[in-house]
Structure formats: structure tokens, C-alpha cells
Amino acid sequence: MRIAAALACALALTAAQVASAAGAAMVTAPMKGSGAGVGVQYRVDGTPEVGRPVSVLLSFDGITDPAGASVRLSTQGGLSLVGTESTRSLPTAQTSTWTVQVVPAADGLGYLNVFTTQGGATSATSVPVPVGKPSAALPASQDLKRSADGEKILPMQVK
């Protein structure tokens, strides 16, 4: 059952990536109840290519703290931010947008990490930026392991 849920989640993320790559719709990032409470939506405009800047549109709402909120950006997986601005303040009770450019250094999946802070709580959203053709192959069955309960799992490296 857990494998089916993981597969459904992976398919949903792939569909969100395809929609965002086409520039069709904004993707709404999931929010935790114990997080900052800032709503984050994003869209990757255009087709990311190695060495070429691609725009990522970010939208923020739900800022209720009278002091406002803040957003900080970082990258991983071979992406780099264009420009020097990586933090921004978000005003109370307004929807704010921010278009940033990232440059992929290689084929694969890079991430634009978006950290929002409001009222002392911080939330993180990772915006996937796929470069090149995604692998259509599923992991080989020998890559799957079995848990103590007999469930099939795919081990993944964590930093």
C-alpha cells in the first residue's frame, strides 16, 4: 500500500513539473500546520536547458503577522541564482510575486529552495527544475529492499 502511495505522489510531482514547464499553471506547495503559514505557489517558465537562465515565478500569500514575513532562496543540484538578491521582505495582508532566474549546470533535477519565515516559524519549499529528458525507467527490482515487515522499499540517500 505504501508503494502505491509513493508512486501516486511521484506521478503527481511529475504532472506538476510538466504543467509548470509548460507555463500553464502555478503549482501550490503543500503547507504544514506547524509551519510559517505563508502560502507558496510557483511556476517554471520555459524549458530549462544547461547553461541558460530560466525564470521561476514565485507567489506568496497568507501573511498575517503585523511585522510581515520574509523569504530566502538557495539552490542545490547544480542550479545557481542569477543576480545577488536572495532574500526579500513580504508585506502583511498582500500577495507578493517574485520572478527569479536560475541557471542549470547539468542535466538532471535541481531545486530552488524557498524558505519563508513568519512569526518566528520557518517553512521550506523545494521547487523542482528538471533539465533534460527525465528517465522513464523505474528502478530495477534488485534495487528494492524489504523491510522487517516484508514491505518493499526503495532506499534513497539523504544528506
Protein backbone atom coordinates (compact mmCIF):
# COMPACT_ATOMS: atom_id res chain seq x y z
CA MET A 1 0.00 0.00 0.00
CA ARG A 2 2.82 2.42 0.82
CA ILE A 3 4.44 1.74 -2.55
CA ALA A 4 1.20 2.69 -4.29
CA ALA A 5 1.03 5.93 -2.28
CA ALA A 6 4.67 6.73 -3.09
CA LEU A 7 4.07 6.03 -6.78
CA ALA A 8 0.96 8.24 -6.78
CA CYS A 9 2.97 11.02 -5.14
CA ALA A 10 5.77 10.67 -7.72
CA LEU A 11 3.25 10.78 -10.56
CA ALA A 12 1.62 13.88 -9.09
CA LEU A 13 5.00 15.62 -8.82
CA THR A 14 5.81 14.65 -12.42
CA ALA A 15 2.47 16.06 -13.59
CA ALA A 16 3.14 19.26 -11.64
CA GLN A 17 6.59 19.52 -13.25
CA VAL A 18 5.16 19.04 -16.74
CA ALA A 19 2.46 21.67 -16.11
CA SER A 20 4.97 24.12 -14.69
CA ALA A 21 7.44 23.51 -17.51
CA ALA A 22 4.70 24.35 -20.00
CA GLY A 23 3.99 27.58 -18.09
CA ALA A 24 0.35 26.61 -17.82
CA ALA A 25 -0.45 26.90 -14.14
CA MET A 26 1.03 27.72 -10.80
CA VAL A 27 1.79 24.79 -8.52
CA THR A 28 0.66 25.22 -4.92
CA ALA A 29 3.25 23.97 -2.45
CA PRO A 30 1.94 21.89 0.45
CA MET A 31 1.83 23.62 3.85
CA LYS A 32 2.37 22.13 7.27
CA GLY A 33 0.11 23.30 10.07
CA SER A 34 3.13 23.99 12.27
CA GLY A 35 4.99 25.97 9.61
CA ALA A 36 5.25 29.67 8.84
CA GLY A 37 1.75 29.84 7.34
CA VAL A 38 2.91 31.58 4.17
CA GLY A 39 1.27 30.16 1.06
CA VAL A 40 3.76 29.48 -1.74
CA GLN A 41 2.95 28.92 -5.38
CA TYR A 42 5.49 28.53 -8.17
CA ARG A 43 5.88 28.06 -11.91
CA VAL A 44 8.96 27.35 -14.02
CA ASP A 45 8.57 29.39 -17.22
CA GLY A 46 10.07 27.84 -20.32
CA THR A 47 12.15 24.73 -20.81
CA PRO A 48 15.23 24.58 -18.58
CA GLU A 49 18.46 24.00 -20.52
CA VAL A 50 22.03 23.57 -19.32
CA GLY A 51 23.84 26.91 -19.12
CA ARG A 52 20.78 29.02 -19.99
CA PRO A 53 18.82 31.09 -17.47
CA VAL A 54 15.23 30.06 -16.83
CA SER A 55 12.65 32.10 -14.92
CA VAL A 56 10.84 30.80 -11.86
CA LEU A 57 7.76 32.75 -10.80
CA LEU A 58 7.06 32.65 -7.06
CA SER A 59 3.87 33.88 -5.39
CA PHE A 60 3.37 34.36 -1.64
CA ASP A 61 0.18 34.95 0.36
CA GLY A 62 -1.23 34.37 3.83
CA ILE A 63 1.00 36.90 5.56
CA THR A 64 -0.88 37.77 8.74
CA ASP A 65 1.89 38.84 11.12
CA PRO A 66 1.85 42.65 11.55
CA ALA A 67 5.64 42.57 11.16
CA GLY A 68 5.26 40.86 7.78
CA ALA A 69 7.26 37.85 6.64
CA SER A 70 10.48 37.13 4.80
CA VAL A 71 11.66 34.78 2.10
CA ARG A 72 15.16 33.44 1.50
CA LEU A 73 16.32 31.49 -1.56
CA SER A 74 19.06 28.92 -2.05
CA THR A 75 19.81 26.34 -4.75
CA GLN A 76 21.03 22.78 -4.94
CA GLY A 77 21.54 20.09 -7.57
CA GLY A 78 23.63 22.19 -9.95
CA LEU A 79 21.42 25.30 -10.05
CA SER A 80 22.72 28.78 -9.44
CA LEU A 81 20.80 32.01 -8.88
CA VAL A 82 21.26 34.86 -11.33
CA GLY A 83 21.84 38.16 -9.50
CA THR A 84 22.73 38.86 -5.92
CA GLU A 85 19.30 39.18 -4.29
CA SER A 86 18.42 36.05 -2.31
CA THR A 87 16.21 37.49 0.43
CA ARG A 88 13.13 39.66 0.39
CA SER A 89 10.54 41.02 2.83
CA LEU A 90 6.87 40.21 2.32
CA PRO A 91 4.23 42.77 3.38
CA THR A 92 1.27 41.90 5.60
CA ALA A 93 -2.10 41.04 4.01
CA GLN A 94 -0.81 41.21 0.42
CA THR A 95 0.01 38.71 -2.28
CA SER A 96 3.57 39.21 -3.44
CA THR A 97 5.30 37.81 -6.51
CA TRP A 98 8.98 37.39 -7.26
CA THR A 99 10.45 36.23 -10.54
CA VAL A 100 13.95 34.83 -10.16
CA GLN A 101 16.28 33.32 -12.70
CA VAL A 102 18.29 30.17 -12.17
CA VAL A 103 20.92 28.59 -14.40
CA PRO A 104 21.24 24.78 -14.50
CA ALA A 105 24.81 23.49 -14.72
CA ALA A 106 23.94 19.95 -15.88
CA ASP A 107 21.11 17.64 -16.90
CA GLY A 108 19.11 16.23 -14.04
CA LEU A 109 16.88 17.61 -11.33
CA GLY A 110 17.91 20.75 -9.48
CA TYR A 111 15.99 22.60 -6.78
CA LEU A 112 15.29 26.20 -5.92
CA ASN A 113 14.79 26.12 -2.15
CA VAL A 114 12.35 28.73 -0.81
CA PHE A 115 12.44 29.41 2.94
CA THR A 116 9.59 31.53 4.32
CA THR A 117 9.59 32.94 7.85
CA GLN A 118 6.68 34.50 9.72
CA GLY A 119 6.14 34.96 13.44
CA GLY A 120 9.31 33.05 14.31
CA ALA A 121 8.37 29.93 12.32
CA THR A 122 10.13 28.89 9.10
CA SER A 123 8.87 26.67 6.29
CA ALA A 124 10.77 25.24 3.33
CA THR A 125 9.57 24.58 -0.20
CA SER A 126 11.74 22.94 -2.86
CA VAL A 127 10.86 23.96 -6.41
CA PRO A 128 11.97 21.22 -8.84
CA VAL A 129 13.73 22.40 -12.01
CA PRO A 130 14.08 19.39 -14.35
CA VAL A 131 16.76 19.69 -17.05
CA GLY A 132 16.93 17.30 -19.99
CA LYS A 133 14.87 14.20 -20.53
CA PRO A 134 13.57 12.53 -17.38
CA SER A 135 14.30 8.86 -17.00
CA ALA A 136 11.17 6.86 -17.81
CA ALA A 137 12.58 3.68 -16.30
CA LEU A 138 11.54 2.50 -12.88
CA PRO A 139 14.26 1.25 -10.55
CA ALA A 140 15.33 -2.31 -11.15
CA SER A 141 13.67 -4.80 -8.86
CA GLN A 142 17.05 -5.70 -7.35
CA ASP A 143 17.25 -2.07 -6.09
CA LEU A 144 14.14 -2.66 -3.98
CA LYS A 145 14.70 -3.90 -0.44
CA ARG A 146 12.30 -5.49 2.02
CA SER A 147 11.55 -4.05 5.42
CA ALA A 148 11.30 -6.19 8.55
CA ASP A 149 7.53 -6.31 7.90
CA GLY A 150 8.09 -7.58 4.35
CA GLU A 151 7.19 -4.29 2.65
CA LYS A 152 9.13 -3.37 -0.49
CA ILE A 153 11.10 -0.14 -0.12
CA LEU A 154 13.45 1.82 -2.35
CA PRO A 155 16.41 3.08 -0.28
CA MET A 156 17.41 6.68 -1.01
CA GLN A 157 20.46 8.61 0.10
CA VAL A 158 19.72 11.51 2.45
CA LYS A 159 22.07 14.46 3.06
